[in-house]
Protein backbone atom coordinates (compact mmCIF):
# COMPACT_ATOMS: atom_id res chain seq x y z
CA UNK A 1 -36.93 -49.14 -7.92
CA UNK A 2 -40.24 -50.18 -9.48
CA UNK A 3 -43.00 -47.55 -9.48
CA UNK A 4 -46.04 -48.46 -7.43
CA UNK A 5 -49.66 -48.10 -8.46
CA UNK A 6 -50.66 -46.47 -5.19
CA UNK A 7 -49.80 -43.07 -3.76
CA UNK A 8 -50.87 -44.15 -0.28
CA UNK A 9 -47.97 -44.78 2.11
CA UNK A 10 -47.00 -48.42 2.44
CA UNK A 11 -46.99 -49.38 6.11
CA UNK A 12 -44.21 -51.71 7.22
CA UNK A 13 -44.42 -53.54 10.52
CA UNK A 14 -42.12 -55.84 12.48
CA UNK A 15 -42.96 -59.25 13.90
CA UNK A 16 -41.54 -59.46 17.42
CA UNK A 17 -40.01 -62.70 18.75
CA UNK A 18 -42.05 -64.69 21.30
CA UNK A 19 -41.32 -68.36 20.62
CA UNK A 20 -38.36 -70.34 21.92
CA UNK A 21 -35.74 -70.79 19.23
CA UNK A 22 -37.65 -68.90 16.53
CA UNK A 23 -36.46 -65.55 15.14
CA UNK A 24 -33.41 -66.15 17.27
CA UNK A 25 -31.97 -68.72 19.70
CA UNK A 26 -33.32 -69.53 23.15
CA UNK A 27 -35.93 -67.68 25.19
CA UNK A 28 -36.38 -63.97 24.41
CA UNK A 29 -36.82 -62.10 27.69
CA UNK A 30 -39.14 -59.10 28.07
CA UNK A 31 -36.19 -56.74 28.47
CA UNK A 32 -34.92 -57.82 25.04
CA UNK A 33 -38.35 -57.63 23.41
CA UNK A 34 -39.07 -54.18 24.85
CA UNK A 35 -35.70 -52.91 23.59
CA UNK A 36 -36.48 -54.25 20.13
CA UNK A 37 -39.91 -52.61 20.20
CA UNK A 38 -38.47 -49.24 21.17
CA UNK A 39 -35.76 -49.44 18.53
CA UNK A 40 -38.23 -50.46 15.82
CA UNK A 41 -40.46 -47.51 16.69
CA UNK A 42 -37.50 -45.12 16.71
CA UNK A 43 -36.06 -46.21 13.35
CA UNK A 44 -39.35 -45.89 11.47
CA UNK A 45 -41.37 -49.09 11.53
CA UNK A 46 -45.11 -48.36 11.40
CA UNK A 47 -46.33 -51.26 13.50
CA UNK A 48 -45.36 -54.13 15.80
CA UNK A 49 -46.96 -57.56 15.63
CA UNK A 50 -47.27 -60.54 17.96
CA UNK A 51 -48.56 -64.08 17.41
CA UNK A 52 -50.97 -66.09 19.54
CA UNK A 53 -49.70 -69.54 20.50
CA UNK A 54 -49.37 -71.47 23.75
CA UNK A 55 -47.03 -74.24 22.58
CA UNK A 56 -45.78 -74.51 19.02
CA UNK A 57 -44.48 -77.68 17.42
CA UNK A 58 -42.84 -77.58 14.00
CA UNK A 59 -43.14 -80.51 11.62
CA UNK A 60 -40.66 -83.23 12.55
CA UNK A 61 -39.99 -81.93 16.08
CA UNK A 62 -40.55 -84.09 19.17
CA UNK A 63 -41.41 -81.36 21.67
CA UNK A 64 -43.36 -78.12 21.55
CA UNK A 65 -41.69 -74.73 21.81
CA UNK A 66 -42.82 -72.35 24.55
CA UNK A 67 -44.42 -69.01 23.64
CA UNK A 68 -45.06 -65.87 25.70
CA UNK A 69 -48.81 -65.18 26.08
CA UNK A 70 -49.91 -62.59 23.55
CA UNK A 71 -52.30 -60.32 25.48
CA UNK A 72 -49.97 -59.86 28.44
CA UNK A 73 -47.19 -58.98 26.01
CA UNK A 74 -49.44 -56.69 23.96
CA UNK A 75 -50.54 -54.74 27.04
CA UNK A 76 -46.92 -54.15 28.00
CA UNK A 77 -46.04 -53.07 24.45
CA UNK A 78 -48.93 -50.60 24.49
CA UNK A 79 -47.48 -49.01 27.61
CA UNK A 80 -43.87 -48.70 26.40
CA UNK A 81 -44.53 -47.39 22.86
CA UNK A 82 -46.09 -44.14 21.67
CA UNK A 83 -46.55 -44.14 17.89
CA UNK A 84 -46.57 -47.59 16.29
CA UNK A 85 -49.72 -49.57 15.69
CA UNK A 86 -49.92 -52.85 17.61
CA UNK A 87 -51.37 -55.93 15.96
CA UNK A 88 -52.14 -59.56 16.70
CA UNK A 89 -51.32 -62.00 13.89
CA UNK A 90 -53.69 -63.58 14.72
CA UNK A 91 -55.68 -64.33 17.87
CA UNK A 92 -56.96 -67.89 18.22
CA UNK A 93 -60.59 -67.26 19.15
CA UNK A 94 -60.95 -70.88 20.30
CA UNK A 95 -59.49 -70.23 23.75
CA UNK A 96 -61.05 -66.89 24.66
CA UNK A 97 -64.57 -65.96 25.65
CA UNK A 98 -65.58 -63.43 22.95
CA UNK A 99 -67.27 -60.98 25.33
CA UNK A 100 -64.23 -60.95 27.60
CA UNK A 101 -62.01 -60.54 24.53
CA UNK A 102 -63.96 -57.40 23.59
CA UNK A 103 -63.27 -56.05 27.08
CA UNK A 104 -59.57 -56.91 26.75
CA UNK A 105 -59.33 -55.31 23.32
CA UNK A 106 -60.94 -52.06 24.40
CA UNK A 107 -58.63 -51.92 27.42
CA UNK A 108 -55.54 -52.23 25.19
CA UNK A 109 -57.15 -49.59 22.97
CA UNK A 110 -57.20 -47.30 26.00
CA UNK A 111 -53.62 -48.07 27.06
CA UNK A 112 -52.33 -47.53 23.52
CA UNK A 113 -54.53 -44.50 22.75
CA UNK A 114 -56.21 -46.24 19.84
CA UNK A 115 -53.30 -48.09 18.17
CA UNK A 116 -54.62 -51.67 18.22
CA UNK A 117 -55.23 -53.80 15.12
CA UNK A 118 -57.24 -56.79 16.26
CA UNK A 119 -56.14 -59.77 14.14
CA UNK A 120 -58.46 -62.77 14.42
CA UNK A 121 -58.53 -66.42 13.39
CA UNK A 122 -60.17 -69.69 14.39
CA UNK A 123 -56.87 -71.36 15.36
CA UNK A 124 -55.27 -74.27 13.54
CA UNK A 125 -52.56 -75.86 15.70
CA UNK A 126 -54.30 -78.84 17.32
CA UNK A 127 -51.21 -79.69 19.37
CA UNK A 128 -51.61 -76.67 21.67
CA UNK A 129 -55.40 -77.01 21.92
CA UNK A 130 -54.96 -80.55 23.20
CA UNK A 131 -52.14 -79.66 25.60
CA UNK A 132 -54.04 -76.77 27.20
CA UNK A 133 -57.46 -78.45 27.25
CA UNK A 134 -59.40 -76.36 24.72
CA UNK A 135 -61.93 -77.93 22.32
CA UNK A 136 -60.74 -78.17 18.73
CA UNK A 137 -63.96 -79.52 17.20
CA UNK A 138 -66.35 -77.24 15.27
CA UNK A 139 -63.80 -74.45 15.55
CA UNK A 140 -65.17 -72.49 12.58
CA UNK A 141 -68.74 -72.84 13.87
CA UNK A 142 -67.54 -71.57 17.23
CA UNK A 143 -65.83 -68.66 15.49
CA UNK A 144 -68.96 -67.78 13.51
CA UNK A 145 -70.82 -67.31 16.79
CA UNK A 146 -67.97 -65.63 18.67
CA UNK A 147 -67.42 -62.97 16.02
CA UNK A 148 -71.03 -61.83 16.30
CA UNK A 149 -70.53 -61.16 20.02
CA UNK A 150 -67.11 -59.55 19.61
CA UNK A 151 -68.16 -57.38 16.67
CA UNK A 152 -71.40 -56.30 18.32
CA UNK A 153 -69.67 -55.21 21.52
CA UNK A 154 -66.75 -53.41 19.88
CA UNK A 155 -68.80 -51.66 17.19
CA UNK A 156 -72.00 -50.92 19.10
CA UNK A 157 -71.06 -51.23 22.78
CA UNK A 158 -73.74 -53.84 23.41
CA UNK A 159 -74.95 -57.23 22.23
CA UNK A 160 -77.70 -59.72 23.00
CA UNK A 161 -76.80 -63.13 21.55
CA UNK A 162 -77.33 -66.77 22.35
CA UNK A 163 -75.93 -69.57 20.23
CA UNK A 164 -74.91 -73.20 20.54
CA UNK A 165 -71.38 -72.46 21.78
CA UNK A 166 -71.44 -68.87 23.06
CA UNK A 167 -73.87 -66.42 24.61
CA UNK A 168 -73.81 -62.86 25.87
CA UNK A 169 -77.24 -61.70 27.02
CA UNK A 170 -77.87 -57.96 27.30
CA UNK A 171 -74.12 -57.46 27.55
CA UNK A 172 -72.59 -53.97 27.57
CA UNK A 173 -69.03 -52.85 26.95
CA UNK A 174 -68.19 -50.02 29.36
CA UNK A 175 -66.17 -47.86 29.61
CA UNK A 176 -65.11 -47.42 26.00
CA UNK A 177 -61.65 -46.79 24.56
CA UNK A 178 -60.68 -43.75 22.48
CA UNK A 179 -62.26 -45.04 19.22
CA UNK A 180 -66.07 -45.30 19.54
CA UNK A 181 -66.21 -48.23 17.11
CA UNK A 182 -63.24 -50.02 18.62
CA UNK A 183 -60.13 -51.23 16.76
CA UNK A 184 -60.05 -52.37 13.13
CA UNK A 185 -60.43 -56.14 12.74
CA UNK A 186 -58.02 -58.15 10.62
CA UNK A 187 -58.77 -61.69 9.46
CA UNK A 188 -55.94 -64.08 8.61
CA UNK A 189 -57.56 -66.70 6.40
CA UNK A 190 -57.78 -68.28 2.97
CA UNK A 191 -60.60 -70.72 3.87
CA UNK A 192 -64.12 -70.23 2.41
CA UNK A 193 -66.20 -70.07 5.60
CA UNK A 194 -63.70 -67.86 7.37
CA UNK A 195 -63.49 -65.60 4.31
CA UNK A 196 -67.26 -65.17 4.50
CA UNK A 197 -66.84 -63.94 8.11
CA UNK A 198 -64.01 -61.67 6.98
CA UNK A 199 -66.13 -60.15 4.21
CA UNK A 200 -68.96 -59.50 6.63
CA UNK A 201 -67.05 -58.22 9.66
CA UNK A 202 -63.42 -57.51 8.70
CA UNK A 203 -61.56 -54.31 7.93
CA UNK A 204 -58.31 -55.96 6.82
CA UNK A 205 -57.19 -59.30 5.38
CA UNK A 206 -53.81 -60.94 5.91
CA UNK A 207 -51.93 -63.60 3.97
CA UNK A 208 -49.02 -65.17 5.82
CA UNK A 209 -45.93 -66.23 3.91
CA UNK A 210 -47.13 -69.83 4.20
CA UNK A 211 -50.16 -68.83 2.11
CA UNK A 212 -48.19 -66.93 -0.54
CA UNK A 213 -45.05 -69.09 -0.48
CA UNK A 214 -43.31 -65.76 0.27
CA UNK A 215 -43.88 -64.61 -3.32
CA UNK A 216 -45.81 -61.73 -4.86
CA UNK A 217 -47.38 -64.26 -7.23
CA UNK A 218 -49.14 -65.68 -4.18
CA UNK A 219 -51.03 -62.41 -3.77
CA UNK A 220 -51.95 -62.40 -7.45
CA UNK A 221 -53.32 -65.92 -7.03
CA UNK A 222 -55.32 -65.11 -3.89
CA UNK A 223 -56.71 -61.71 -4.92
CA UNK A 224 -59.64 -62.97 -7.04
CA UNK A 225 -60.59 -65.43 -4.29
CA UNK A 226 -60.71 -62.64 -1.69
CA UNK A 227 -62.59 -60.33 -4.06
CA UNK A 228 -65.20 -63.01 -4.77
CA UNK A 229 -65.70 -63.62 -1.05
CA UNK A 230 -66.50 -59.93 -0.64
CA UNK A 231 -68.91 -59.91 -3.56
CA UNK A 232 -70.78 -62.91 -2.17
CA UNK A 233 -71.46 -60.85 0.97
CA UNK A 234 -72.54 -57.85 -1.12
CA UNK A 235 -69.37 -55.93 -0.29
CA UNK A 236 -67.19 -53.82 -2.54
CA UNK A 237 -63.79 -55.61 -2.51
CA UNK A 238 -61.95 -52.28 -2.57
CA UNK A 239 -63.21 -51.54 0.97
CA UNK A 240 -61.11 -54.40 2.40
CA UNK A 241 -57.52 -53.43 3.16
CA UNK A 242 -54.95 -56.07 2.17
CA UNK A 243 -51.89 -57.03 4.22
CA UNK A 244 -49.17 -59.67 3.86
CA UNK A 245 -46.47 -61.15 6.08
CA UNK A 246 -43.09 -61.73 4.44
CA UNK A 247 -40.08 -63.69 5.63
CA UNK A 248 -36.68 -62.04 5.31
CA UNK A 249 -33.30 -63.36 6.43
CA UNK A 250 -30.09 -61.77 7.61
CA UNK A 251 -26.81 -63.44 6.62
CA UNK A 252 -26.51 -64.66 10.24
CA UNK A 253 -29.82 -66.57 10.11
CA UNK A 254 -30.17 -70.25 10.93
CA UNK A 255 -31.91 -71.64 7.79
CA UNK A 256 -34.62 -73.64 9.58
CA UNK A 257 -36.78 -73.48 6.45
CA UNK A 258 -34.39 -75.85 4.69
CA UNK A 259 -34.91 -78.48 7.40
CA UNK A 260 -38.70 -78.65 7.16
CA UNK A 261 -40.17 -81.73 5.45
CA UNK A 262 -40.75 -80.90 1.78
CA UNK A 263 -44.19 -82.51 1.96
CA UNK A 264 -45.25 -79.60 4.15
CA UNK A 265 -44.91 -77.18 1.25
CA UNK A 266 -46.27 -76.72 -2.23
CA UNK A 267 -44.71 -78.19 -5.36
CA UNK A 268 -42.28 -75.25 -5.46
CA UNK A 269 -40.38 -76.71 -2.51
CA UNK A 270 -39.54 -75.05 0.84
CA UNK A 271 -40.30 -71.37 1.29
CA UNK A 272 -37.32 -69.10 0.73
CA UNK A 273 -36.79 -65.84 2.64
CA UNK A 274 -36.01 -62.54 0.96
CA UNK A 275 -32.42 -61.34 1.32
CA UNK A 276 -30.43 -58.22 0.40
CA UNK A 277 -31.48 -54.60 0.87
CA UNK A 278 -32.34 -53.84 -2.75
CA UNK A 279 -34.06 -57.18 -3.33
CA UNK A 280 -36.20 -56.84 -0.19
CA UNK A 281 -37.19 -53.24 -0.96
CA UNK A 282 -38.07 -54.17 -4.53
CA UNK A 283 -40.26 -57.04 -3.34
CA UNK A 284 -42.09 -54.85 -0.82
CA UNK A 285 -42.85 -52.32 -3.54
CA UNK A 286 -44.09 -55.10 -5.80
CA UNK A 287 -46.49 -56.18 -3.06
CA UNK A 288 -47.72 -52.59 -2.81
CA UNK A 289 -48.25 -52.50 -6.57
CA UNK A 290 -50.50 -55.55 -6.16
CA UNK A 291 -52.74 -53.76 -3.67
CA UNK A 292 -51.03 -54.51 -0.36
CA UNK A 293 -51.20 -51.57 2.05
CA UNK A 294 -49.48 -53.01 5.12
CA UNK A 295 -46.62 -55.53 5.30
CA UNK A 296 -45.48 -57.39 8.41
CA UNK A 297 -41.81 -58.33 8.19
CA UNK A 298 -40.54 -61.44 9.95
CA UNK A 299 -36.76 -61.10 10.25
CA UNK A 300 -34.57 -64.14 10.85
CA UNK A 301 -33.07 -63.63 13.35
CA UNK A 302 -34.80 -60.69 15.06
CA UNK A 303 -32.48 -58.69 17.29
CA UNK A 304 -31.24 -55.13 17.70
CA UNK A 305 -28.61 -55.57 15.01
CA UNK A 306 -30.96 -56.96 12.35
CA UNK A 307 -33.58 -54.31 13.11
CA UNK A 308 -30.92 -51.63 12.57
CA UNK A 309 -29.79 -53.41 9.41
CA UNK A 310 -33.32 -53.19 8.00
CA UNK A 311 -33.32 -49.37 8.10
CA UNK A 312 -31.92 -49.04 4.54
CA UNK A 313 -34.92 -51.04 3.30
CA UNK A 314 -37.30 -48.64 5.06
CA UNK A 315 -35.38 -45.72 3.54
CA UNK A 316 -35.48 -47.21 0.05
CA UNK A 317 -39.24 -47.78 0.22
CA UNK A 318 -39.78 -44.27 1.55
CA UNK A 319 -37.56 -42.77 -1.16
CA UNK A 320 -39.51 -44.60 -3.85
CA UNK A 321 -42.80 -43.25 -2.46
CA UNK A 322 -41.59 -39.65 -2.57
CA UNK A 323 -39.71 -39.75 -5.88
């Protein structure tokens, strides 16, 4: 295995299935998801992650796919797990009042005893905004206001703000969860205005495999852009933790990535998942060598068998860290 540049433990998390026909066939019931969460915690994953969609429509599909609501699912996960961190990848701020979101986040902080990673974004999937009646216009401007309310309440317990889209006058967040400053905030973005918000308010940054094309070279390409965003806000780039989501595939996977229109991807063609224990472990260590401290793994398909099958990868990464 390749030696890494960091002695800090690489955290590896698991994306849980929520969407019809993605990371496995059909609808994934809570009983199945909770069993996967418990198994992942028991076999050594460091975190569990959930997405935030209402209806999701892939390129070329006629109908949207249903998705379980993220905060209800997250609250249940907080109650049935003990050790793993719990993250959102990422919340669409466009359909939640930011002051109420602060209240929701601190409540999950309490249930989980301080294990929440609050992943945030402005939202991008217009299809679901239209179907559920949420405004899609000026979404970054709305986010720029919302984050001031959310950050003020979670970090300081109070905020007094009035903007064009949001207000919270003399608002207090009480009672507070176990961490006085609330959960760490993760921003999933590669867009300039959102990166400015990330540099000002964020603790972690995430690149999804769409952003990196599921390659370590994608991180190398994005790093100077993220660093420059921090410098523009007067922030030391080394204070921002870096995370990445990678796509891996079991031999039983349905290769949906091969059916996506090629115009949806970069010149390199459709994204390709990582396969094979040694190859996956090597890639994760390469990400760590490029400054990534936390990796979210999306397994196709995700089920009890493929979670068990991933254990040798966890062992290989752990062995490399201690050798």
